[in-house]
Protein backbone atom coordinates (compact mmCIF):
# COMPACT_ATOMS: atom_id res chain seq x y z
CA MET A 1 -18.15 1.34 22.42
CA ALA A 2 -19.34 3.58 19.80
CA ASN A 3 -19.95 1.43 16.20
CA LEU A 4 -16.88 2.10 14.55
CA GLN A 5 -15.32 1.15 11.11
CA PRO A 6 -11.84 1.39 10.22
CA VAL A 7 -10.96 2.90 6.56
CA LEU A 8 -7.83 2.05 5.65
CA LEU A 9 -6.44 4.19 2.59
CA SER A 10 -4.55 1.61 0.58
CA GLY A 11 -4.03 3.83 -2.69
CA GLY A 12 -0.24 5.19 -2.75
CA SER A 13 2.74 3.95 -4.52
CA GLY A 14 5.81 4.74 -1.99
CA THR A 15 7.76 6.03 -4.98
CA ARG A 16 10.17 7.74 -2.46
CA LEU A 17 11.43 3.87 -0.86
CA TRP A 18 12.39 3.30 -4.33
CA PRO A 19 13.96 0.71 -5.39
CA LEU A 20 11.74 -1.61 -2.45
CA SER A 21 8.57 0.21 -2.81
CA ARG A 22 7.38 -0.16 -6.83
CA GLU A 23 4.36 1.34 -8.20
CA ALA A 24 3.23 -2.44 -8.81
CA TYR A 25 3.99 -3.60 -4.92
CA PRO A 26 4.03 -0.46 -2.41
CA LYS A 27 5.57 0.08 0.74
CA GLN A 28 2.19 -0.74 2.87
CA PHE A 29 2.76 -4.54 1.26
CA LEU A 30 6.11 -4.06 2.79
CA PRO A 31 7.51 -5.54 6.21
CA LEU A 32 9.73 -2.01 6.40
CA ALA A 33 9.15 -1.56 10.61
CA GLY A 34 9.10 -5.11 12.11
CA ASP A 35 7.31 -8.69 10.79
CA ASP A 36 3.91 -7.32 9.92
CA THR A 37 3.75 -5.87 6.22
CA MET A 38 2.85 -1.84 6.93
CA VAL A 39 -1.57 -2.30 6.12
CA GLN A 40 -1.20 -5.23 8.17
CA ALA A 41 0.46 -3.74 11.42
CA THR A 42 -2.25 -0.91 11.03
CA TRP A 43 -5.44 -3.35 10.99
CA ARG A 44 -3.87 -4.72 14.14
CA ARG A 45 -3.33 -0.90 15.47
CA VAL A 46 -7.31 -0.60 15.09
CA ALA A 47 -8.69 -4.19 15.88
CA GLU A 48 -9.35 -3.65 19.34
CA LEU A 49 -11.31 -0.81 18.86
CA ALA A 50 -13.41 -1.84 15.72
CA ASP A 51 -17.11 -2.99 15.72
CA ARG A 52 -16.96 -3.90 12.46
CA ALA A 53 -14.89 -5.17 9.52
CA PRO A 54 -12.61 -2.64 7.50
CA ILE A 55 -13.43 -1.02 4.72
CA VAL A 56 -10.34 -1.15 2.51
CA VAL A 57 -9.93 1.75 -0.23
CA ALA A 58 -7.02 0.50 -3.08
CA ASN A 59 -6.05 0.41 -6.28
CA GLU A 60 -7.46 -2.31 -8.90
CA GLU A 61 -4.17 -3.55 -9.25
CA HIS A 62 -3.12 -4.20 -5.53
CA ARG A 63 -6.35 -6.24 -4.90
CA PHE A 64 -5.49 -9.68 -4.31
CA LEU A 65 -2.29 -8.06 -2.35
CA VAL A 66 -4.86 -6.69 -0.02
CA ALA A 67 -7.18 -9.22 0.46
CA GLU A 68 -4.30 -12.06 1.27
CA GLN A 69 -2.39 -9.73 3.26
CA LEU A 70 -5.03 -8.89 5.82
CA ARG A 71 -6.29 -12.61 5.33
CA GLN A 72 -3.04 -13.32 6.96
CA VAL A 73 -3.56 -11.29 9.96
CA ASP A 74 -7.19 -12.97 10.62
CA ALA A 75 -8.55 -9.69 9.97
CA PRO A 76 -12.75 -10.17 9.60
CA VAL A 77 -13.39 -10.14 5.86
CA PRO A 78 -12.78 -6.37 4.71
CA ALA A 79 -15.29 -4.80 2.03
CA ILE A 80 -12.69 -3.93 -0.25
CA VAL A 81 -13.59 -0.81 -2.71
CA LEU A 82 -11.59 -0.41 -5.90
CA GLU A 83 -10.34 2.69 -7.24
CA PRO A 84 -9.95 2.47 -11.27
CA VAL A 85 -8.54 5.64 -11.49
CA GLY A 86 -6.37 7.61 -8.70
CA ARG A 87 -8.39 10.78 -7.24
CA ASN A 88 -6.63 11.64 -3.98
CA THR A 89 -8.29 10.70 -0.75
CA ALA A 90 -11.65 13.25 -0.46
CA PRO A 91 -13.19 11.08 -3.30
CA ALA A 92 -11.42 7.96 -2.10
CA ILE A 93 -13.10 8.67 1.52
CA ALA A 94 -16.27 9.26 0.01
CA ALA A 95 -16.37 6.14 -1.53
CA ALA A 96 -15.72 4.61 1.44
CA ALA A 97 -18.32 6.44 3.51
CA LEU A 98 -21.39 5.86 0.96
CA GLN A 99 -19.99 2.00 1.22
CA ALA A 100 -20.40 2.45 5.29
CA MET A 101 -23.92 3.99 4.85
CA ALA A 102 -25.12 1.43 2.02
CA ALA A 103 -26.50 -1.37 4.31
CA GLY A 104 -28.34 2.01 6.14
CA ASP A 105 -26.35 2.66 9.19
CA ASP A 106 -24.53 5.45 9.63
CA PRO A 107 -21.02 4.45 11.46
CA LEU A 108 -18.35 6.28 13.15
CA LEU A 109 -15.13 5.89 10.45
CA LEU A 110 -11.87 6.04 11.95
CA VAL A 111 -9.97 6.68 8.59
CA LEU A 112 -6.41 5.51 8.55
CA PRO A 113 -2.93 5.67 6.11
CA SER A 114 -2.46 2.33 5.63
CA ASP A 115 1.64 2.73 5.73
CA HIS A 116 2.58 4.71 8.40
CA VAL A 117 4.15 4.24 11.56
CA VAL A 118 2.66 4.04 15.31
CA ARG A 119 4.88 2.55 17.64
CA ASP A 120 2.62 3.67 20.99
CA VAL A 121 -0.36 1.48 19.93
CA ALA A 122 -2.14 2.04 23.07
CA GLY A 123 -1.43 5.55 23.43
CA PHE A 124 -3.59 5.67 19.99
CA GLN A 125 -6.14 3.72 21.14
CA ARG A 126 -6.60 5.80 23.82
CA ALA A 127 -7.09 9.24 21.75
CA VAL A 128 -8.97 7.63 19.38
CA ARG A 129 -11.58 6.70 22.65
CA GLN A 130 -11.43 10.36 24.05
CA ALA A 131 -12.19 11.61 20.31
CA ILE A 132 -15.41 9.28 19.83
CA PRO A 133 -17.87 11.95 22.00
CA ALA A 134 -17.15 14.52 19.87
CA ALA A 135 -17.47 12.67 16.70
CA GLU A 136 -20.46 11.26 17.63
CA ALA A 137 -21.78 15.02 18.24
CA GLY A 138 -20.64 15.69 14.75
CA ALA A 139 -17.35 17.37 14.98
CA LEU A 140 -14.70 16.14 11.74
CA VAL A 141 -11.57 15.18 14.00
CA THR A 142 -8.18 14.50 13.00
CA PHE A 143 -5.20 13.99 15.29
CA GLY A 144 -2.14 16.42 15.34
CA ILE A 145 1.50 14.91 15.78
CA VAL A 146 3.39 16.86 18.75
CA PRO A 147 6.25 17.89 16.70
CA ASP A 148 9.98 17.49 18.05
CA ALA A 149 11.92 18.73 15.53
CA PRO A 150 10.77 21.89 12.60
CA GLU A 151 10.07 19.70 10.43
CA THR A 152 9.57 20.88 6.52
CA GLY A 153 8.12 17.32 5.05
CA PHE A 154 4.78 17.59 7.27
CA GLY A 155 2.16 19.77 6.78
CA TYR A 156 0.84 21.74 10.02
CA ILE A 157 -2.59 21.94 12.14
CA GLN A 158 -2.74 24.93 14.61
CA ALA A 159 -4.96 24.46 16.86
CA ASP A 160 -7.31 26.83 20.09
CA ALA A 161 -5.58 27.25 22.93
CA GLY A 162 -6.51 24.33 25.52
CA GLU A 163 -5.75 21.21 26.46
CA GLY A 164 -6.80 18.09 24.96
CA LEU A 165 -9.29 18.19 22.02
CA ARG A 166 -9.98 21.40 20.42
CA LYS A 167 -10.77 23.89 17.71
CA VAL A 168 -8.84 23.90 14.55
CA LEU A 169 -7.63 27.29 13.65
CA ARG A 170 -5.94 26.83 10.54
CA PHE A 171 -4.09 24.29 8.86
CA VAL A 172 -0.46 25.44 7.27
CA GLU A 173 1.51 23.86 3.70
CA LYS A 174 4.77 22.82 4.59
CA PRO A 175 6.75 25.26 5.88
CA ASP A 176 10.50 26.22 4.85
CA ALA A 177 13.03 25.53 7.73
CA ALA A 178 12.57 28.67 9.45
CA THR A 179 8.76 28.89 9.90
CA ALA A 180 8.87 25.25 11.02
CA GLN A 181 11.08 26.73 13.73
CA ALA A 182 8.69 29.48 14.38
CA TYR A 183 5.77 26.87 14.85
CA LEU A 184 7.99 24.95 17.39
CA ASP A 185 8.86 27.74 19.48
CA ALA A 186 5.52 29.30 19.14
CA GLY A 187 3.42 26.17 20.24
CA GLY A 188 0.01 25.18 19.58
CA TYR A 189 1.39 23.63 16.02
CA TYR A 190 0.54 20.03 15.63
CA TRP A 191 2.31 17.58 12.61
CA ASN A 192 -0.55 16.67 10.04
CA SER A 193 -1.04 13.00 10.60
CA GLY A 194 -3.69 12.36 7.49
CA MET A 195 -5.77 10.21 10.22
CA PHE A 196 -9.38 11.11 10.74
CA LEU A 197 -12.46 10.22 13.05
CA PHE A 198 -16.21 11.56 11.88
CA ARG A 199 -19.34 9.61 11.53
CA ALA A 200 -19.71 8.70 7.72
CA SER A 201 -23.04 10.65 6.51
CA ARG A 202 -21.15 13.98 8.03
CA PHE A 203 -18.54 13.44 6.16
CA ILE A 204 -20.81 13.71 2.96
CA GLU A 205 -22.75 16.35 3.98
CA GLU A 206 -19.40 18.55 4.60
CA LEU A 207 -17.99 17.51 1.24
CA ALA A 208 -21.46 18.13 0.19
CA GLN A 209 -21.23 21.56 1.03
CA PHE A 210 -17.81 22.45 -0.56
CA ARG A 211 -17.32 19.97 -3.56
CA PRO A 212 -20.95 18.61 -4.42
CA ASP A 213 -19.02 17.85 -7.65
CA ILE A 214 -17.07 15.26 -5.81
CA VAL A 215 -19.81 13.65 -3.67
CA ASP A 216 -22.15 13.53 -7.52
CA ALA A 217 -19.33 11.70 -8.73
CA VAL A 218 -18.63 9.13 -6.18
CA ARG A 219 -22.36 8.51 -5.81
CA ALA A 220 -22.37 8.17 -9.47
CA ALA A 221 -19.41 5.27 -9.05
CA HIS A 222 -20.76 3.61 -6.46
CA ALA A 223 -24.41 3.14 -7.40
CA ALA A 224 -22.81 1.82 -10.50
CA ALA A 225 -20.08 -0.55 -8.87
CA LYS A 226 -19.85 -4.05 -9.53
CA HIS A 227 -20.15 -6.48 -6.51
CA ASP A 228 -17.02 -9.04 -7.12
CA GLY A 229 -17.15 -11.35 -3.80
CA ASP A 230 -15.21 -9.14 -1.05
CA PHE A 231 -14.75 -6.44 -4.11
CA ILE A 232 -16.74 -3.36 -4.56
CA ARG A 233 -15.75 -2.17 -8.24
CA LEU A 234 -16.22 1.43 -8.62
CA ASP A 235 -16.99 2.70 -12.16
CA LYS A 236 -14.36 4.10 -14.07
CA GLU A 237 -16.05 6.03 -15.85
CA ALA A 238 -17.94 7.81 -13.38
CA PHE A 239 -15.20 7.64 -11.13
CA ALA A 240 -12.20 9.55 -13.26
CA SER A 241 -14.84 12.17 -13.80
CA SER A 242 -14.57 13.35 -10.13
CA PRO A 243 -12.35 16.18 -9.55
CA SER A 244 -9.10 15.17 -8.07
CA ASP A 245 -8.58 16.66 -4.19
CA SER A 246 -7.55 15.54 -0.66
CA ILE A 247 -9.66 16.04 2.42
CA ASP A 248 -7.74 18.24 3.84
CA TYR A 249 -8.44 21.04 0.64
CA ALA A 250 -12.08 19.54 0.09
CA VAL A 251 -13.19 19.89 3.58
CA MET A 252 -10.72 19.96 6.83
CA GLU A 253 -9.98 23.95 5.35
CA LYS A 254 -13.10 24.98 4.93
CA THR A 255 -15.27 23.74 7.26
CA GLY A 256 -16.59 24.96 10.81
CA HIS A 257 -16.81 21.46 12.69
CA ALA A 258 -13.05 20.84 12.40
CA MET A 259 -11.41 19.54 15.80
CA VAL A 260 -7.98 18.38 16.67
CA LEU A 261 -6.79 15.83 19.48
CA PRO A 262 -2.97 16.46 19.61
CA VAL A 263 -1.41 12.97 19.84
CA ASP A 264 2.50 11.88 21.17
CA ILE A 265 2.55 8.16 19.79
CA GLY A 266 5.71 7.60 18.02
CA TRP A 267 4.15 8.54 14.52
CA ASN A 268 6.04 8.42 11.40
CA ASP A 269 4.56 8.28 7.95
CA VAL A 270 7.81 6.31 6.37
CA GLY A 271 7.89 8.67 3.96
CA SER A 272 11.59 8.82 3.15
CA TRP A 273 14.68 6.22 3.71
CA SER A 274 15.64 8.84 6.20
CA ALA A 275 12.52 8.63 8.27
CA LEU A 276 12.69 4.78 8.50
CA TRP A 277 16.26 5.30 9.88
CA ASP A 278 14.49 7.34 12.23
CA VAL A 279 12.27 4.63 13.27
CA ALA A 280 14.32 1.75 12.97
CA GLU A 281 16.59 0.12 15.90
CA ARG A 282 20.25 1.40 15.91
CA ASP A 283 23.78 0.11 17.43
CA GLY A 284 26.36 2.30 19.27
CA ASP A 285 27.10 3.59 16.04
CA GLY A 286 23.50 4.84 14.79
CA ASN A 287 23.59 2.32 12.23
CA ALA A 288 20.43 0.65 11.24
CA HIS A 289 20.86 -2.33 9.39
CA HIS A 290 18.07 -4.91 7.43
CA GLY A 291 19.41 -8.26 6.09
CA ASP A 292 23.40 -8.85 6.18
CA VAL A 293 24.90 -6.09 6.41
CA ILE A 294 28.62 -5.66 7.71
CA ALA A 295 29.71 -1.93 8.77
CA VAL A 296 32.99 -1.09 9.71
CA ASP A 297 33.85 2.62 10.69
CA SER A 298 30.30 3.63 9.78
CA ARG A 299 28.14 6.09 11.40
CA ASN A 300 24.39 7.19 11.75
CA SER A 301 23.74 4.74 8.09
CA TYR A 302 20.73 2.58 6.66
CA ALA A 303 21.45 -0.25 4.93
CA TYR A 304 18.53 -2.88 3.20
CA ALA A 305 20.03 -5.77 2.20
CA GLN A 306 18.86 -8.81 0.62
CA ARG A 307 22.53 -10.26 -0.10
CA LEU A 308 25.77 -9.32 1.82
CA VAL A 309 26.21 -5.74 1.87
CA ALA A 310 29.47 -4.17 3.23
CA LEU A 311 29.90 -0.55 4.90
CA VAL A 312 33.17 1.01 5.10
CA GLY A 313 33.96 4.46 6.10
CA LEU A 314 30.46 5.94 5.58
CA ASP A 315 28.69 8.23 7.18
CA ASP A 316 24.86 9.49 6.67
CA ILE A 317 24.39 7.22 3.98
CA VAL A 318 21.51 4.91 2.71
CA VAL A 319 22.23 1.95 0.34
CA VAL A 320 19.04 -0.49 -0.23
CA GLU A 321 20.18 -3.37 -2.42
CA THR A 322 17.85 -5.67 -4.17
CA ASP A 323 17.43 -8.49 -7.16
CA ASP A 324 17.81 -5.75 -9.95
CA ALA A 325 18.86 -2.27 -8.41
CA VAL A 326 20.50 -0.97 -6.05
CA LEU A 327 20.49 2.84 -4.49
CA VAL A 328 23.01 4.86 -2.71
CA ALA A 329 22.26 8.04 -1.39
CA ARG A 330 23.11 10.62 1.15
CA LYS A 331 20.82 10.49 4.00
CA ASP A 332 19.78 14.33 3.36
CA ARG A 333 18.78 13.60 -0.15
CA VAL A 334 16.62 10.77 -0.28
CA GLN A 335 13.79 12.70 -0.70
CA ASP A 336 15.17 12.96 -4.53
CA VAL A 337 14.63 9.53 -5.13
CA LYS A 338 11.34 10.13 -6.57
CA GLN A 339 13.30 11.79 -9.16
CA VAL A 340 15.08 8.41 -10.24
CA VAL A 341 11.61 7.08 -10.85
CA ALA A 342 10.72 10.05 -12.90
CA GLN A 343 13.35 8.75 -15.00
CA LEU A 344 13.03 5.49 -15.21
CA LYS A 345 9.13 6.06 -16.29
CA GLN A 346 10.60 8.40 -18.85
CA ASP A 347 12.69 5.38 -20.11
CA GLN A 348 10.39 2.73 -19.92
CA ARG A 349 12.13 1.04 -17.56
CA SER A 350 10.44 -2.18 -15.48
CA GLN A 351 11.97 -1.22 -12.38
CA ALA A 352 9.91 1.64 -11.85
CA ILE A 353 6.84 -0.62 -11.89
CA LEU A 354 8.01 -3.99 -10.92
CA HIS A 355 10.23 -5.60 -8.50
CA ARG A 356 11.88 -8.93 -10.41
CA GLU A 357 9.91 -11.09 -8.53
CA VAL A 358 6.25 -10.35 -9.96
CA HIS A 359 3.42 -10.86 -7.75
CA ARG A 360 -0.36 -12.52 -9.04
CA PRO A 361 -3.53 -13.69 -7.67
CA TRP A 362 -1.58 -17.27 -7.65
CA GLY A 363 1.24 -16.41 -6.44
CA SER A 364 4.32 -15.16 -8.14
CA TYR A 365 6.72 -15.56 -10.68
CA ASP A 366 10.76 -14.39 -10.44
CA SER A 367 12.74 -14.13 -13.20
CA VAL A 368 16.42 -15.63 -12.91
CA ASP A 369 17.26 -15.36 -15.95
CA MET A 370 17.18 -13.97 -19.51
CA GLY A 371 18.34 -13.36 -23.07
CA SER A 372 17.63 -12.74 -26.60
CA ARG A 373 15.53 -16.48 -27.20
CA HIS A 374 15.17 -18.12 -23.55
CA GLN A 375 14.01 -16.61 -20.22
CA VAL A 376 14.04 -18.89 -16.93
CA LYS A 377 11.65 -18.34 -14.14
CA ARG A 378 10.75 -19.53 -10.49
CA ILE A 379 7.12 -20.34 -10.22
CA LYS A 380 5.28 -20.33 -7.16
CA VAL A 381 1.18 -21.14 -6.87
CA LYS A 382 -0.36 -21.08 -3.82
CA PRO A 383 -2.80 -23.94 -2.93
CA GLY A 384 -5.63 -24.34 -4.27
CA ALA A 385 -4.72 -21.42 -6.91
CA LYS A 386 -4.59 -22.00 -10.53
CA LEU A 387 -3.39 -20.02 -13.78
CA SER A 388 -5.53 -19.08 -16.49
CA LEU A 389 -6.30 -21.20 -19.09
CA GLN A 390 -4.33 -19.71 -22.24
CA SER A 391 -2.17 -19.68 -24.94
CA HIS A 392 0.92 -18.30 -26.26
CA ASN A 393 2.11 -17.30 -30.22
CA HIS A 394 5.29 -17.04 -29.65
CA ARG A 395 6.77 -18.84 -27.39
CA ALA A 396 7.27 -22.81 -25.59
CA GLU A 397 7.27 -23.54 -22.30
CA HIS A 398 9.26 -26.48 -20.54
CA TRP A 399 8.16 -26.52 -17.04
CA ILE A 400 10.43 -28.84 -13.90
CA VAL A 401 8.18 -29.62 -10.69
CA VAL A 402 10.73 -28.71 -8.05
CA LYS A 403 8.41 -28.59 -5.11
CA GLY A 404 5.03 -30.20 -4.58
CA THR A 405 1.97 -31.40 -7.40
CA ALA A 406 1.11 -29.45 -10.10
CA ARG A 407 -2.25 -30.19 -12.26
CA VAL A 408 -1.42 -29.65 -15.94
CA THR A 409 -4.65 -28.98 -18.80
CA ARG A 410 -2.31 -29.16 -22.31
CA ASP A 411 -5.00 -29.18 -24.86
CA ASN A 412 -7.33 -32.19 -24.29
CA ASP A 413 -5.10 -33.70 -22.15
CA VAL A 414 -5.26 -33.35 -18.01
CA PHE A 415 -2.85 -34.72 -15.62
CA GLU A 416 -0.47 -34.52 -12.54
CA LEU A 417 3.09 -33.63 -12.47
CA PHE A 418 5.23 -34.53 -8.75
CA GLU A 419 8.89 -33.17 -7.67
CA ASN A 420 11.71 -33.96 -10.47
CA GLN A 421 8.64 -34.81 -12.98
CA SER A 422 8.57 -32.30 -16.04
CA THR A 423 6.45 -31.25 -19.19
CA TYR A 424 6.43 -29.43 -22.28
CA ILE A 425 4.07 -26.82 -23.42
CA PRO A 426 4.23 -26.63 -27.41
CA ILE A 427 3.63 -22.80 -29.11
CA GLY A 428 -0.14 -22.45 -29.15
CA ALA A 429 -1.22 -24.97 -27.05
CA LYS A 430 -3.96 -23.94 -24.54
CA HIS A 431 -2.74 -24.78 -21.00
CA ARG A 432 -3.29 -24.43 -17.60
CA LEU A 433 -1.45 -24.61 -14.62
CA GLU A 434 -3.08 -25.20 -11.02
CA ASN A 435 -1.95 -26.22 -7.48
CA PRO A 436 -3.96 -29.26 -6.16
CA GLY A 437 -2.61 -29.76 -3.23
CA LYS A 438 -2.15 -28.02 0.63
CA ASP A 439 1.00 -27.20 -0.16
CA LEU A 440 2.85 -24.29 -1.82
CA LEU A 441 3.70 -25.55 -5.73
CA GLU A 442 7.18 -24.71 -6.69
CA LEU A 443 8.80 -25.37 -10.33
CA VAL A 444 11.09 -24.20 -13.00
CA GLU A 445 9.45 -22.47 -16.08
CA VAL A 446 12.11 -22.37 -19.05
CA GLN A 447 10.40 -20.06 -22.15
CA SER A 448 12.22 -20.51 -25.72
CA GLY A 449 10.64 -18.63 -28.65
CA ASP A 450 11.24 -15.53 -31.10
CA TYR A 451 9.18 -13.10 -28.41
CA LEU A 452 9.24 -13.31 -24.43
CA GLY A 453 7.27 -10.53 -23.63
CA GLU A 454 4.41 -10.67 -20.49
CA ASP A 455 2.14 -9.37 -23.51
CA ASP A 456 2.10 -13.01 -25.32
CA ILE A 457 -0.55 -14.09 -23.57
CA VAL A 458 -4.11 -15.43 -24.66
CA ARG A 459 -6.43 -15.72 -22.20
CA TYR A 460 -9.63 -18.10 -22.71
CA SER A 461 -11.26 -17.96 -19.30
CA ASP A 462 -9.70 -16.93 -15.51
CA ILE A 463 -11.06 -17.32 -12.04
CA TYR A 464 -9.77 -13.81 -11.27
CA GLY A 465 -11.63 -12.03 -14.20
CA ARG A 466 -8.92 -11.24 -15.93
CA SER A 467 -9.93 -13.28 -19.52
CA GLU A 468 -10.27 -11.45 -22.48
């Protein structure tokens, strides 16, 4: 097998799957099409092919989510390249290629979005193996999806005549319905999957030919990167100076070395709720359900429920219910969910960014009740994890241990609390919560004061690099 290194692109925000996918916890970290999250499923799909640990390109804010989710599926320790700002796929892949070559190697990079579904994993693996010789010889290979419908939501690739791997004639934009049907009727057109295979140096060579400004900026960002364990923090100023461009526009549409391998592997980019309905198991009435759902006289609908949801007399409807938001949409209008997210951002509402349960490197907190001068949270702390040493200027806190053992620092005192025990943190007290045990720590926190915002935190030290 070739010296193959997977590159998992994990920078997306997944706004079209709101309210389940949100900016701080987007769709690649959710179990949308099985028990694994989508980034976990992406790694499992390629693990058998990989000769090297993966390189993951991720948003700075998602670094601990990526690391923890890959650890859960026993992925070898990845190099996690952190983008300080989003600059689209060409700079992201360039950063991965430079990281892959940093030790003097020049592996084949199998570049995969981390939020797609592939049902035929064996077929995918066969396709990668089939494409390896061309990539080793210098080609930039992409995988075209054999279309089964005149889809207007994807770009297309026109391939040269023949069978198997062949030269790319052109890339075309997302077509209108009539053009998509014409592509389907003509044959030789394939959906652009966003999956690529090429040698690291070849991608940099081609990108340098067509977009030297991107290569220069990313080289500078990588050269000045700070290494923090498995995290490679690209220099913000240098990376931000890179133009934002996709790999298609920057390289694949211009190079004379692009080749495409048509594949039929049960691929779906899960770019909308209707796409998730497409890949889900459905009952005899065409309904796909996740969670506690009762459907009466309803057809071809999708429901995702965290509590009991009942559908009565509904056809072609999507219902998504979470702790703090409900989406109800016609299945043929779910692409417009992004307009809802835009409105939420314009109104500066937290539901665009955060779920009610907010994940942190040490665990999570869930705001279960809030009034003008109080807030109640359920807090979970992972074994061995600790929060920052901090204080608050406007609120006091009461902690009640529900499960596990808590080690508490309060000014000069350090003590442990066990189940059903509690303590009080006055306004201004320096304090820290940690879990010294091997089991999850769960507690209830009651905050009281004249301001309860998350920005009322003064951090003095923090093992996750967040201290001020």
